[in-house]
Structures are given as C-alpha cells and as structure tokens.
Protein backbone atom coordinates (compact mmCIF):
# COMPACT_ATOMS: atom_id res chain seq x y z
CA MET A 1 -3.59 -0.08 17.02
CA GLY A 2 -4.85 -2.18 19.87
CA ASP A 3 -7.91 -4.66 20.50
CA GLY A 4 -10.67 -2.66 20.91
CA VAL A 5 -10.17 0.60 19.82
CA GLY A 6 -12.10 2.28 17.47
CA SER A 7 -12.04 3.53 14.31
CA SER A 8 -13.64 5.53 12.04
CA THR A 9 -14.65 3.18 9.20
CA GLY A 10 -14.87 5.04 4.92
CA ASP A 11 -18.53 4.92 5.88
CA GLY A 12 -19.03 7.02 9.09
CA ILE A 13 -19.95 3.69 11.01
CA ILE A 14 -17.59 3.44 14.44
CA ALA A 15 -16.42 -0.22 14.67
CA ALA A 16 -13.78 -2.39 17.10
CA THR A 17 -10.60 -2.81 15.23
CA THR A 18 -8.33 -5.37 14.98
CA PRO A 19 -4.47 -4.61 15.14
CA ARG A 20 -4.32 -4.99 11.38
CA GLY A 21 -7.19 -1.62 11.38
CA ARG A 22 -10.01 -3.09 10.77
CA ALA A 23 -13.17 -4.26 12.06
CA ASP A 24 -12.87 -7.29 13.83
CA ASP A 25 -16.12 -8.74 12.93
CA SER A 26 -15.35 -7.47 9.32
CA GLY A 27 -15.61 -10.41 6.05
CA GLY A 28 -12.98 -10.90 3.71
CA ARG A 29 -9.18 -10.87 3.18
CA ASP A 30 -6.47 -8.74 4.68
CA MET A 31 -4.89 -6.29 2.66
CA ALA A 32 -1.23 -8.01 2.57
CA PRO A 33 2.01 -5.60 3.50
CA GLY A 34 3.68 -6.30 -0.16
CA THR A 35 0.25 -5.40 -1.35
CA GLY A 36 0.53 -1.61 -0.12
CA THR A 37 4.19 -1.54 -0.43
CA LEU A 38 3.73 -2.60 -4.46
CA ALA A 39 0.98 0.44 -4.76
CA PHE A 40 2.99 3.26 -3.24
CA ALA A 41 6.13 2.00 -5.01
CA ILE A 42 4.39 2.22 -8.54
CA ALA A 43 2.75 5.82 -7.27
CA ALA A 44 6.10 7.16 -6.68
CA ILE A 45 7.77 6.04 -9.57
CA GLY A 46 4.91 6.27 -12.56
CA GLY A 47 3.60 9.07 -10.93
CA VAL A 48 7.34 10.94 -11.48
CA VAL A 49 8.14 9.80 -14.44
CA GLY A 50 4.71 9.79 -16.32
CA LEU A 51 4.28 13.39 -15.18
CA LEU A 52 7.73 13.58 -16.78
CA LEU A 53 6.73 12.10 -20.22
CA LEU A 54 3.53 14.25 -20.02
CA VAL A 55 5.32 17.57 -19.89
CA VAL A 56 8.42 16.64 -22.25
CA SER A 57 5.31 15.08 -24.83
CA PHE A 58 4.42 19.38 -24.95
CA THR A 59 7.91 20.07 -26.23
CA SER A 60 10.39 19.52 -29.35
CA TRP A 61 12.21 16.93 -26.99
CA ARG A 62 12.21 13.84 -28.45
CA PHE A 63 12.58 11.89 -24.89
CA GLY A 64 11.59 8.62 -24.04
CA ALA A 65 11.97 4.99 -23.70
CA TRP A 66 11.40 5.07 -27.51
CA ILE A 67 10.97 7.67 -30.07
CA PRO A 68 7.47 7.43 -30.92
CA ARG A 69 5.72 8.60 -34.56
CA GLU A 70 4.00 11.25 -32.24
CA GLN A 71 4.51 13.18 -29.33
CA LEU A 72 1.05 12.79 -28.47
CA THR A 73 1.55 9.06 -27.55
CA THR A 74 4.79 10.31 -25.26
CA GLY A 75 1.96 12.13 -23.15
CA LEU A 76 -0.58 10.05 -23.27
CA VAL A 77 1.49 7.06 -22.09
CA GLY A 78 2.50 9.40 -19.08
CA ALA A 79 -1.11 10.62 -18.60
CA ALA A 80 -1.78 6.79 -18.18
CA MET A 81 1.28 6.79 -15.42
CA ALA A 82 0.55 9.84 -13.85
CA GLY A 83 -3.56 9.63 -13.79
CA VAL A 84 -3.74 5.91 -11.56
CA ALA A 85 -0.50 7.67 -9.45
CA PRO A 86 -3.45 9.38 -6.79
CA GLY A 87 -5.60 6.08 -6.62
CA LEU A 88 -2.68 3.59 -6.13
CA LEU A 89 -1.83 6.08 -2.83
CA ARG A 90 -4.94 5.62 -1.80
CA VAL A 91 -4.53 1.43 -1.16
CA ASN A 92 -2.73 2.00 1.74
CA ALA A 93 -5.57 3.50 3.58
CA MET A 94 -7.54 0.83 2.90
CA PHE A 95 -7.35 -2.69 4.87
CA LEU A 96 -9.07 -5.06 2.93
CA TRP A 97 -7.77 -7.36 -0.08
CA GLU A 98 -11.35 -6.35 -1.74
CA GLU A 99 -11.08 -2.77 -1.27
CA THR A 100 -7.85 -2.63 -3.54
CA ARG A 101 -8.23 -5.60 -6.14
CA SER A 102 -10.09 -3.54 -8.34
CA LEU A 103 -7.22 -1.42 -9.06
CA PHE A 104 -4.55 -4.16 -8.38
CA TRP A 105 -5.65 -5.99 -11.63
CA PRO A 106 -4.91 -2.76 -14.02
CA VAL A 107 -1.75 -2.73 -12.54
CA ALA A 108 -1.17 -6.45 -12.91
CA VAL A 109 -1.78 -5.69 -16.60
CA ALA A 110 -0.02 -2.65 -17.26
CA VAL A 111 3.30 -3.25 -15.87
CA PRO A 112 4.08 -6.76 -16.92
CA GLY A 113 2.78 -5.58 -20.21
CA LEU A 114 4.81 -2.88 -20.59
CA PHE A 115 7.76 -4.61 -19.43
CA ALA A 116 6.83 -7.43 -22.56
CA VAL A 117 6.02 -5.39 -25.68
CA SER A 118 9.68 -2.93 -24.35
CA ALA A 119 11.62 -6.12 -24.75
CA ILE A 120 10.16 -7.56 -27.68
CA HIS A 121 10.82 -4.43 -29.38
CA GLN A 122 13.69 -3.42 -27.69
CA SER A 123 15.63 -3.41 -31.02
CA ASP A 124 13.24 -0.10 -31.69
CA LEU A 125 14.31 1.28 -27.90
CA ALA A 126 16.50 4.52 -27.58
CA LEU A 127 18.91 2.26 -25.87
CA HIS A 128 20.36 1.32 -28.81
CA GLY A 129 20.95 4.69 -30.61
CA GLY A 130 18.54 7.13 -32.45
CA ALA A 131 18.33 9.55 -29.54
CA ASP A 132 20.52 11.92 -26.93
CA GLY A 133 22.10 10.07 -23.41
CA LEU A 134 19.88 10.89 -21.78
CA ALA A 135 17.02 8.85 -23.16
CA THR A 136 19.13 6.16 -23.78
CA LEU A 137 19.81 5.87 -19.88
CA PHE A 138 16.29 6.56 -19.44
CA SER A 139 15.42 4.03 -21.74
CA LEU A 140 18.03 1.23 -19.56
CA GLY A 141 16.03 2.45 -16.11
CA TRP A 142 12.35 1.61 -17.78
CA LEU A 143 13.53 -1.81 -18.96
CA LEU A 144 14.76 -2.54 -15.58
CA VAL A 145 12.50 -0.97 -13.48
CA LEU A 146 10.10 -2.58 -15.59
CA LEU A 147 11.51 -6.10 -14.85
CA GLY A 148 11.65 -5.42 -11.48
CA LEU A 149 8.07 -4.49 -10.48
CA SER A 150 6.95 -7.15 -12.50
CA VAL A 151 8.48 -9.41 -10.46
CA PHE A 152 7.19 -7.56 -7.70
CA VAL A 153 3.82 -7.61 -8.84
CA LEU A 154 4.06 -11.88 -8.60
CA ILE A 155 5.24 -11.75 -5.64
CA ALA A 156 2.76 -9.38 -3.88
CA PHE A 157 0.33 -11.16 -5.72
CA VAL A 158 1.36 -14.83 -4.05
CA GLN A 159 1.86 -13.27 -0.57
CA GLN A 160 -1.62 -11.55 -0.45
CA MET A 161 -3.45 -15.20 -1.60
CA LEU A 162 -1.81 -16.49 1.37
CA GLU A 163 -3.40 -13.89 3.97
CA PRO A 164 -6.27 -15.73 5.51
CA ALA A 165 -10.30 -15.52 4.42
CA LEU A 166 -13.71 -14.78 5.58
CA PRO A 167 -16.42 -14.76 3.51
CA PRO A 168 -16.65 -10.54 2.40
CA ASP A 169 -19.38 -8.77 3.85
CA PRO A 170 -22.74 -7.32 1.75
CA ALA A 171 -21.84 -4.08 -0.46
CA VAL A 172 -22.25 -1.11 1.87
CA ALA A 173 -23.13 1.02 -1.64
CA PRO A 174 -23.95 -1.27 -4.54
CA LEU A 175 -24.11 0.23 -7.83
CA PRO A 176 -27.43 1.58 -8.79
CA GLY A 177 -28.86 -1.06 -11.64
CA TRP A 178 -28.60 1.72 -14.72
CA ALA A 179 -25.14 1.81 -14.36
CA LYS A 180 -24.08 -1.45 -14.70
CA PRO A 181 -24.60 -1.58 -18.53
CA LEU A 182 -23.16 1.27 -19.32
CA LEU A 183 -19.74 0.20 -17.41
CA ALA A 184 -20.15 -2.77 -18.95
CA LEU A 185 -20.27 -1.07 -22.41
CA LEU A 186 -17.15 1.17 -21.55
CA GLY A 187 -15.31 -1.35 -19.91
CA SER A 188 -15.20 -3.98 -23.02
CA ALA A 189 -14.77 -1.11 -25.49
CA TRP A 190 -11.30 -0.13 -24.04
CA LEU A 191 -10.94 -4.02 -23.46
CA GLY A 192 -11.66 -4.49 -27.12
CA ALA A 193 -9.60 -1.88 -28.16
CA GLY A 194 -6.48 -3.27 -25.79
CA MET A 195 -6.80 -6.41 -27.05
CA GLY A 196 -6.83 -5.25 -30.95
CA LEU A 197 -3.75 -2.96 -30.25
CA LEU A 198 -1.97 -5.32 -28.11
CA LEU A 199 -2.37 -8.50 -30.81
CA GLY A 200 -3.01 -6.80 -34.15
CA PRO A 201 -1.43 -3.51 -34.40
CA SER A 202 -0.29 -3.27 -37.98
CA PHE A 203 -3.80 -3.93 -38.33
CA TRP A 204 -5.73 -1.84 -35.70
CA GLY A 205 -2.87 0.52 -35.68
CA ARG A 206 -4.90 2.25 -38.58
CA PHE A 207 -7.68 2.88 -36.74
CA VAL A 208 -5.82 5.24 -33.81
CA PRO A 209 -6.28 8.60 -34.70
CA TRP A 210 -3.13 9.88 -35.43
CA ARG A 211 0.64 8.03 -36.77
CA VAL A 212 1.77 5.27 -34.28
CA SER A 213 4.34 2.56 -34.70
CA THR A 214 4.02 -0.96 -34.18
CA LEU A 215 5.18 -0.56 -30.40
CA ASP A 216 3.20 2.63 -30.05
CA ALA A 217 0.12 0.73 -30.89
CA GLN A 218 0.88 -2.10 -28.46
CA ALA A 219 2.24 0.19 -25.57
CA LEU A 220 -1.37 1.86 -25.96
CA GLY A 221 -3.09 -1.05 -26.07
CA VAL A 222 -1.37 -2.39 -23.09
CA TRP A 223 -2.67 0.64 -21.28
CA SER A 224 -6.48 0.54 -22.89
CA LEU A 225 -6.44 -3.20 -22.11
CA ALA A 226 -5.39 -2.41 -18.02
CA LEU A 227 -8.05 0.23 -18.12
CA GLY A 228 -10.95 -1.86 -19.17
CA VAL A 229 -9.57 -4.45 -16.41
CA GLY A 230 -9.87 -2.00 -14.17
CA VAL A 231 -13.50 -0.94 -15.35
CA LEU A 232 -14.91 -4.26 -15.21
CA GLY A 233 -13.64 -5.28 -12.07
CA ALA A 234 -15.30 -2.22 -10.59
CA LEU A 235 -18.47 -3.73 -12.18
CA ALA A 236 -17.62 -6.95 -10.66
CA GLU A 237 -17.26 -5.57 -7.48
CA ASP A 238 -20.40 -4.32 -7.26
CA ASP A 239 -19.77 -2.02 -3.93
CA LEU A 240 -18.96 1.86 -4.13
CA ALA A 241 -17.14 1.43 -1.12
CA ARG A 242 -14.79 -1.17 -2.38
CA VAL A 243 -13.35 0.75 -5.59
CA ARG A 244 -12.36 3.53 -3.79
CA PRO A 245 -9.52 3.87 -4.49
CA ALA A 246 -9.78 2.27 -8.50
CA LEU A 247 -12.21 5.53 -8.20
CA THR A 248 -9.70 7.69 -7.49
CA ALA A 249 -7.71 6.03 -10.37
CA VAL A 250 -10.41 6.80 -13.22
CA VAL A 251 -10.50 10.61 -12.14
CA GLY A 252 -7.06 11.29 -12.24
CA ALA A 253 -6.52 8.77 -15.71
CA GLY A 254 -9.29 10.56 -17.26
CA VAL A 255 -8.37 13.67 -16.63
CA ALA A 256 -4.73 13.41 -18.19
CA LEU A 257 -5.65 12.06 -21.10
CA ALA A 258 -8.08 14.50 -21.82
CA VAL A 259 -5.37 17.47 -21.14
CA VAL A 260 -2.71 15.71 -23.27
CA LEU A 261 -5.48 14.98 -26.20
CA LEU A 262 -6.89 18.82 -26.12
CA GLY A 263 -3.10 19.55 -25.69
CA HIS A 264 -2.23 17.44 -28.37
CA ALA A 265 -5.58 18.71 -30.89
CA GLY A 266 -3.97 19.46 -34.04
CA VAL A 267 -2.42 15.77 -34.65
CA VAL A 268 -5.57 14.03 -33.99
CA ASP A 269 -7.73 13.11 -37.02
CA TRP A 270 -10.99 13.77 -35.04
CA SER A 271 -13.40 13.11 -37.84
CA SER A 272 -12.61 9.17 -38.13
CA ILE A 273 -13.55 6.26 -36.27
CA GLY A 274 -10.84 6.03 -34.09
CA GLY A 275 -11.12 9.82 -33.23
CA ILE A 276 -14.56 9.48 -32.13
CA ALA A 277 -14.41 6.26 -30.75
CA LEU A 278 -11.64 8.00 -28.42
CA VAL A 279 -13.48 10.85 -27.76
CA VAL A 280 -16.37 8.25 -26.72
CA LEU A 281 -13.97 6.23 -24.78
CA VAL A 282 -12.45 9.08 -22.54
CA GLY A 283 -15.48 10.98 -21.97
CA GLY A 284 -16.39 7.71 -20.89
CA LEU A 285 -13.60 7.85 -18.08
CA LEU A 286 -14.67 11.08 -17.09
CA ALA A 287 -18.32 10.48 -16.88
CA THR A 288 -17.37 7.13 -14.62
CA GLY A 289 -15.20 9.18 -12.18
CA ALA A 290 -17.61 12.29 -11.82
CA VAL A 291 -20.42 10.05 -11.56
CA GLY A 292 -18.86 7.35 -8.82
CA THR A 293 -17.72 10.54 -7.14
CA LEU A 294 -21.31 11.69 -6.81
CA LEU A 295 -22.42 8.52 -5.84
CA TRP A 296 -20.15 7.19 -3.26
CA ARG A 297 -20.77 10.79 -1.40
CA SER A 298 -24.48 10.27 -1.14
CA ALA A 299 -24.01 6.67 -0.04
CA ARG A 300 -21.84 7.86 2.83
CA LEU A 301 -24.47 10.92 3.67
CA ALA A 302 -27.68 8.68 3.44
CA PRO A 303 -29.28 7.80 6.91
C-alpha cells in the first residue's frame, strides 16, 4: 500500500496510511514481521495438533506426548491450543504491537512453559515407551517443535523491541469501570491456579477435580498461567480496540474448554472445591468473551 492511500481502520475511520498499513499520524510501535509470522506458525501448528488431541480425548486411543491419568487432560490441553488459534490468526490483520501484545504474552508463557515441563518430565513422555509407535513419534515431534517455537518466541520479541516506537494513541474504546475489578479477579484466579499447579503440583494437584499426574498438573498449570496473563494483559491495555485478537482467543478457548468438560463430565467431581472453581473460571472466560465482543461492537457503532 503506498503512502497516502486511504485505509479503513477497525473502528470505521478512514485514515491515510504508511506502506506498513497503519495510519501515518498514529502512535505506538509497528508490529514486526516476526510477530505476525510467529502468530501464524503457532496458530497453524497448535490449531491442527490441538484439534487432534481434542478429538482423540473422546476415544479410547491413548495418544499424545504423554499418557495422562484421564483423557480429559489430553482434551483440555488440545482445547486450549485449538481455542486460541483463531485469535492468533487475527494478529496478521493488525498493524501495531499494542494491538497484539495482549496475546503475545500468553503465547510467550505457554510455548516455553510446555517445553520446560515436557523436558523436565521427559522420562514420562511417550518417547520413552509405554505407548504405540505413532505416540512415540508424536512425542518426539512435540519436544522438537516446542523447542523451535520457544526460540522463535525469543527472536520475535527481540525483533519487536527493535522497532521504533512513538507514544501510543489514547484508548479508542476504554473498558467500562464495572468490568475492571471483575477482570482483575478472573485474571488473578487463573494466574494463581496456574502458579499453584506449576510450582506445587503434588499439593495443588489434589484440588483438580479428576485424577492427574505431576506432568498433567503442571501442563494444565502452564495453560492456566497463560490464560491469567492474557486476561490481566487485556485489563492493562484498557482498550477494546487493542485487544481484538486476544478477545477472539478468549472466546475460542472458553468454548473449546467448555465442550471438552461437558463431554467428559462423568470423570469430573463437580461438587468439590476444584469442580466449583473450574465452573467459575471457565464461565468467567465465556462471559468475558461474550461481553467483550458486545462492548466492542457497540463501541464501533457509536457515533
């Protein structure tokens, strides 16, 4: 797109744009090419692998990077991966780092985090036997791909920080005041659950309302931590226009997690503290996605 060519922005305003596609008088930091490439790669790989794990969880096939105590764990890991993929695909439609960082930070937690817990517990992976040949190959690929993507995350972040930055523009659609304490509570709850499962799996794993191993608990902890970082990151942005990819990811993750939990409802102890907390946390994600989408649509239609 050449200089001075009109471009329609997300809120319906027509503005002159630079060759990179952003308004030429806007602030903030251009999104680096590596950020968009990283988002697409994780969306493509994570979406396919996540959907596979989600589907497999509803069968009797014990397949995955490791063999969990319950198939529900496989399904939830897959649901998280597949659920955030649509949000990651939206990243390449954005022009500014400020529009993508609320989704970049959860990715920067989830990808290296999953690699770390998988590497620490590599003796429990299907790579070391106890599963069929396909699961063994999948386990090896899991480790290698996560390692490669973890390095890619670091490279993309360095490239992104080297982009020149201007003071960001004022918020286009600030979060309503009543929503901020609710988001803070939801994000802190997911963050706390993730930290507990990741750092103290032998204790906090007892509160997971189905059977989990140490690796199960820590893998779930990584995703809980990432979801908490995402919700709190959106709160820190305080602008619905800048969290559109993250909002899409929240909707996708919430729906996918709910589908898996309902499909495996028989193995969940819903009356336990962990079961009640799980309903509240997943329900909070669904509510956040639904309300956030409605608020953004209202902001776009406002004169």
